[in-house]
Amino acid sequence: MFRIIKSIGQVLYRVWFYLLVAIPIFVFFPILLLLTFSEQTYPQFFWTARNFWAKPILYGMGCIPKIEREQHMEKGKSYMLVANHASMLDIMLMLVVSKNPFVFVGKKELVKIPVFGFFYKRVCIMVDRDNIKSRTGVYRRAQRRLDQGLSICIFPEGGVPEEHVVLDEFKDGAFKMAIAHKIPVVPITFYDNKERFSFTFFSGGPGRIRAKVHRFFETGILSEEDKSTLREEVREVILNELIG
């Protein structure tokens, strides 16, 4: 009986999550739409999404953020944000972690998500990982965003790993891009998102969600040949934190 009640609660918890995702978008739809007409208004879109979408979702789910910082990002400076990926809550928590406006680089499949996908395709840099031309175009679009003073966020595992995998291997893209544009890499560890709201349907529940912003990796003196070393050093920081 307890297992049945728990399963029902987890289903309701997921339904509540999708309602929290959709309701602010419907409420602020005219404002959000207006702010996506021009790339120049993206910082205002980011501020609205951060404060009136991401935070209400996390607090509404009973997932109270606790953020530890070893180093702080400077206002007006561009960064490459990277973190482990295990939950849809990663998107909301990343928005809370960074006050500096950033643009997500993510897979095009997310466009299919109702309501969320409409704005995702308007403000994010989409990539088809099976298309070389699409992957190449990411660098051009990212350059334009960096020139506007924005940061870039990539989950370098390239997707959500299998349930038993603590941290998958990292792809090169984020690190190659950071070196090319001479911007610091900001490693971020998300500890609890998988437990709070994983991609396994009958799972999850409210509780504190912790994030840690680690010391940045500077790329000013690095060349493209260093991307593999940088990739593994950043991964090691996050992996050690997760298994520690």
Protein backbone atom coordinates (compact mmCIF):
# COMPACT_ATOMS: atom_id res chain seq x y z
CA MET A 1 0.00 0.00 0.00
CA PHE A 2 2.82 2.42 0.91
CA ARG A 3 4.50 1.74 -2.43
CA ILE A 4 1.27 2.55 -4.30
CA ILE A 5 0.80 5.79 -2.37
CA LYS A 6 4.43 6.73 -3.01
CA SER A 7 4.06 6.05 -6.75
CA ILE A 8 0.91 8.19 -6.93
CA GLY A 9 2.75 10.98 -5.11
CA GLN A 10 5.63 10.80 -7.57
CA VAL A 11 3.25 10.99 -10.54
CA LEU A 12 1.54 14.05 -9.04
CA TYR A 13 4.97 15.56 -8.35
CA ARG A 14 5.85 15.26 -12.05
CA VAL A 15 2.52 16.69 -13.17
CA TRP A 16 3.10 19.62 -10.79
CA PHE A 17 6.55 20.19 -12.30
CA TYR A 18 5.19 20.49 -15.83
CA LEU A 19 2.48 22.83 -14.62
CA LEU A 20 5.12 25.02 -12.97
CA VAL A 21 7.10 25.02 -16.22
CA ALA A 22 4.09 26.03 -18.30
CA ILE A 23 2.16 28.48 -16.10
CA PRO A 24 4.80 31.28 -15.94
CA ILE A 25 5.31 31.02 -19.69
CA PHE A 26 1.60 31.50 -20.31
CA VAL A 27 1.34 34.32 -17.75
CA PHE A 28 4.34 36.24 -19.11
CA PHE A 29 3.93 35.12 -22.72
CA PRO A 30 3.51 38.64 -24.23
CA ILE A 31 6.55 39.96 -22.36
CA LEU A 32 8.70 36.94 -23.16
CA LEU A 33 7.69 37.04 -26.82
CA LEU A 34 8.49 40.75 -27.05
CA LEU A 35 11.92 40.18 -25.50
CA THR A 36 12.79 37.51 -28.09
CA PHE A 37 12.25 39.72 -31.14
CA SER A 38 15.79 41.08 -30.87
CA GLU A 39 19.06 39.65 -29.57
CA GLN A 40 19.69 43.03 -27.97
CA THR A 41 16.94 42.40 -25.42
CA TYR A 42 18.22 38.95 -24.46
CA PRO A 43 19.64 40.15 -21.09
CA GLN A 44 16.13 41.28 -20.14
CA PHE A 45 14.72 37.94 -21.30
CA PHE A 46 17.34 36.14 -19.22
CA TRP A 47 16.52 38.21 -16.12
CA THR A 48 12.79 37.47 -16.54
CA ALA A 49 13.38 33.73 -17.08
CA ARG A 50 15.72 33.56 -14.09
CA ASN A 51 13.45 35.35 -11.62
CA PHE A 52 9.94 34.54 -12.83
CA TRP A 53 10.44 31.06 -14.28
CA ALA A 54 13.46 29.18 -12.88
CA LYS A 55 13.15 30.29 -9.25
CA PRO A 56 9.36 29.71 -8.98
CA ILE A 57 9.82 26.22 -10.44
CA LEU A 58 12.56 25.23 -7.98
CA TYR A 59 10.87 26.70 -4.92
CA GLY A 60 7.47 25.45 -6.09
CA MET A 61 8.90 21.93 -6.31
CA GLY A 62 10.25 22.25 -2.78
CA CYS A 63 13.79 22.15 -4.19
CA ILE A 64 15.56 24.91 -2.28
CA PRO A 65 18.87 25.92 -3.91
CA LYS A 66 22.06 26.09 -1.86
CA ILE A 67 25.00 27.44 -3.84
CA GLU A 68 28.65 27.36 -2.75
CA ARG A 69 31.17 29.47 -4.67
CA GLU A 70 34.94 29.12 -4.72
CA GLN A 71 35.13 32.02 -7.15
CA HIS A 72 32.67 34.66 -8.32
CA MET A 73 31.91 35.68 -11.88
CA GLU A 74 32.52 39.30 -12.76
CA LYS A 75 29.63 41.34 -14.07
CA GLY A 76 29.89 42.01 -17.79
CA LYS A 77 32.47 39.27 -18.44
CA SER A 78 31.90 36.21 -20.62
CA TYR A 79 32.41 32.64 -19.39
CA MET A 80 31.96 29.05 -20.50
CA LEU A 81 29.69 27.36 -17.94
CA VAL A 82 29.86 23.56 -17.74
CA ALA A 83 28.16 21.14 -15.35
CA ASN A 84 27.11 17.52 -14.97
CA HIS A 85 23.72 16.73 -16.48
CA ALA A 86 21.17 14.37 -14.94
CA SER A 87 17.84 16.21 -14.67
CA MET A 88 15.60 18.84 -16.22
CA LEU A 89 16.18 20.78 -13.02
CA ASP A 90 19.72 21.41 -14.28
CA ILE A 91 18.37 24.12 -16.58
CA MET A 92 16.58 25.97 -13.79
CA LEU A 93 19.43 25.60 -11.31
CA MET A 94 21.97 26.89 -13.83
CA LEU A 95 19.82 29.98 -14.33
CA VAL A 96 19.83 30.55 -10.57
CA VAL A 97 23.58 29.93 -10.24
CA SER A 98 24.60 32.58 -12.79
CA LYS A 99 23.49 36.18 -12.63
CA ASN A 100 25.56 36.80 -15.75
CA PRO A 101 23.29 36.33 -18.77
CA PHE A 102 24.24 33.22 -20.74
CA VAL A 103 22.93 31.26 -23.70
CA PHE A 104 22.40 27.50 -23.60
CA VAL A 105 23.87 25.31 -26.32
CA GLY A 106 21.63 22.26 -26.46
CA LYS A 107 20.27 19.50 -28.65
CA LYS A 108 17.54 20.37 -31.12
CA GLU A 109 15.24 17.62 -29.76
CA LEU A 110 14.23 19.91 -26.87
CA VAL A 111 12.26 21.99 -29.36
CA LYS A 112 9.62 19.24 -29.26
CA ILE A 113 8.76 19.96 -25.60
CA PRO A 114 5.39 21.78 -25.60
CA VAL A 115 5.45 25.45 -24.55
CA PHE A 116 9.09 25.33 -23.40
CA GLY A 117 10.27 24.39 -26.89
CA PHE A 118 8.72 27.48 -28.44
CA PHE A 119 11.06 29.81 -26.55
CA TYR A 120 13.96 27.37 -26.50
CA LYS A 121 14.34 27.56 -30.27
CA ARG A 122 14.13 31.37 -30.19
CA VAL A 123 16.81 32.06 -27.59
CA CYS A 124 19.14 29.03 -27.43
CA ILE A 125 21.85 27.78 -29.78
CA MET A 126 20.54 24.49 -31.09
CA VAL A 127 22.81 21.76 -32.36
CA ASP A 128 22.14 18.54 -34.25
CA ARG A 129 24.95 16.35 -32.96
CA ASP A 130 24.63 14.04 -35.99
CA ASN A 131 25.09 16.91 -38.45
CA ILE A 132 28.62 18.25 -39.03
CA LYS A 133 27.31 21.47 -40.58
CA SER A 134 25.10 22.10 -37.54
CA ARG A 135 27.99 21.51 -35.12
CA THR A 136 30.19 23.90 -37.09
CA GLY A 137 27.49 26.57 -37.10
CA VAL A 138 27.42 26.53 -33.30
CA TYR A 139 30.81 28.27 -33.17
CA ARG A 140 29.64 31.09 -35.43
CA ARG A 141 26.47 31.68 -33.43
CA ALA A 142 28.36 31.46 -30.13
CA GLN A 143 30.87 34.03 -31.36
CA ARG A 144 28.06 36.46 -32.05
CA ARG A 145 26.65 35.95 -28.55
CA LEU A 146 30.07 36.37 -26.92
CA ASP A 147 30.58 39.58 -28.90
CA GLN A 148 27.39 40.82 -27.23
CA GLY A 149 28.96 40.22 -23.79
CA LEU A 150 27.01 37.05 -23.01
CA SER A 151 28.30 33.76 -21.61
CA ILE A 152 27.74 30.25 -22.99
CA CYS A 153 26.47 27.19 -21.12
CA ILE A 154 27.08 23.64 -22.33
CA PHE A 155 26.49 20.30 -20.58
CA PRO A 156 29.63 18.60 -21.95
CA GLU A 157 28.43 15.03 -21.47
CA GLY A 158 26.39 15.62 -24.61
CA GLY A 159 23.23 14.26 -23.02
CA VAL A 160 21.99 12.53 -19.91
CA PRO A 161 24.12 9.47 -19.03
CA GLU A 162 22.77 6.05 -18.13
CA GLU A 163 21.26 5.78 -14.65
CA HIS A 164 24.29 3.95 -13.19
CA VAL A 165 26.88 6.38 -14.64
CA VAL A 166 28.05 9.05 -12.18
CA LEU A 167 29.60 11.27 -14.86
CA ASP A 168 29.89 10.43 -18.54
CA GLU A 169 32.87 11.29 -20.73
CA PHE A 170 33.00 14.93 -21.83
CA LYS A 171 32.81 16.07 -25.45
CA ASP A 172 35.38 18.56 -26.79
CA GLY A 173 33.02 21.32 -27.93
CA ALA A 174 32.83 23.50 -24.82
CA PHE A 175 36.58 23.43 -24.27
CA LYS A 176 37.51 24.01 -27.89
CA MET A 177 35.16 26.98 -27.92
CA ALA A 178 36.48 28.39 -24.63
CA ILE A 179 40.07 28.23 -25.89
CA ALA A 180 39.16 29.75 -29.26
CA HIS A 181 37.45 32.71 -27.58
CA LYS A 182 39.88 32.96 -24.64
CA ILE A 183 37.14 32.83 -22.00
CA PRO A 184 37.40 31.11 -18.58
CA VAL A 185 35.76 27.72 -18.07
CA VAL A 186 33.54 27.60 -14.98
CA PRO A 187 33.08 24.03 -13.66
CA ILE A 188 29.87 23.56 -11.69
CA THR A 189 28.77 20.49 -9.75
CA PHE A 190 25.08 19.69 -9.30
CA TYR A 191 24.81 17.21 -6.43
CA ASP A 192 21.12 16.46 -5.89
CA ASN A 193 19.16 17.11 -9.09
CA LYS A 194 19.18 13.45 -10.13
CA GLU A 195 17.71 12.45 -6.77
CA ARG A 196 15.13 15.23 -6.78
CA PHE A 197 13.88 14.84 -10.37
CA SER A 198 15.60 12.26 -12.56
CA PHE A 199 14.43 11.05 -15.96
CA THR A 200 13.13 7.88 -14.30
CA PHE A 201 9.38 8.41 -14.09
CA PHE A 202 8.62 6.91 -10.67
CA SER A 203 11.26 8.80 -8.72
CA GLY A 204 12.05 12.12 -7.13
CA GLY A 205 10.82 14.31 -4.34
CA PRO A 206 11.38 17.70 -2.70
CA GLY A 207 14.52 18.63 -0.79
CA ARG A 208 17.56 20.88 -0.91
CA ILE A 209 19.50 21.02 -4.19
CA ARG A 210 23.16 21.95 -3.87
CA ALA A 211 25.48 23.41 -6.46
CA LYS A 212 29.14 24.28 -6.23
CA VAL A 213 30.92 26.77 -8.48
CA HIS A 214 34.56 25.68 -8.61
CA ARG A 215 37.61 27.78 -9.35
CA PHE A 216 37.77 28.82 -12.97
CA PHE A 217 40.13 27.44 -15.60
CA GLU A 218 41.75 30.28 -17.53
CA THR A 219 42.31 29.70 -21.25
CA GLY A 220 44.23 32.81 -22.29
CA ILE A 221 47.53 31.02 -22.92
CA LEU A 222 46.05 27.75 -24.20
CA SER A 223 45.90 26.55 -27.81
CA GLU A 224 43.53 24.09 -29.46
CA GLU A 225 46.03 21.29 -28.79
CA ASP A 226 45.33 21.77 -25.07
CA LYS A 227 41.60 21.11 -25.32
CA SER A 228 41.83 17.45 -24.31
CA THR A 229 43.90 18.25 -21.23
CA LEU A 230 41.54 21.05 -20.26
CA ARG A 231 38.53 18.78 -20.81
CA GLU A 232 39.89 16.05 -18.55
CA GLU A 233 41.01 18.46 -15.83
CA VAL A 234 37.56 20.05 -15.68
CA ARG A 235 35.86 16.65 -15.68
CA GLU A 236 38.11 15.45 -12.86
CA VAL A 237 37.08 18.40 -10.67
CA ILE A 238 33.38 17.62 -11.07
CA LEU A 239 33.82 13.83 -10.82
CA ASN A 240 35.87 14.06 -7.62
CA GLU A 241 33.17 16.26 -6.12
CA LEU A 242 30.40 13.84 -7.05
CA ILE A 243 32.11 10.73 -5.72
CA GLY A 244 33.56 12.52 -2.71
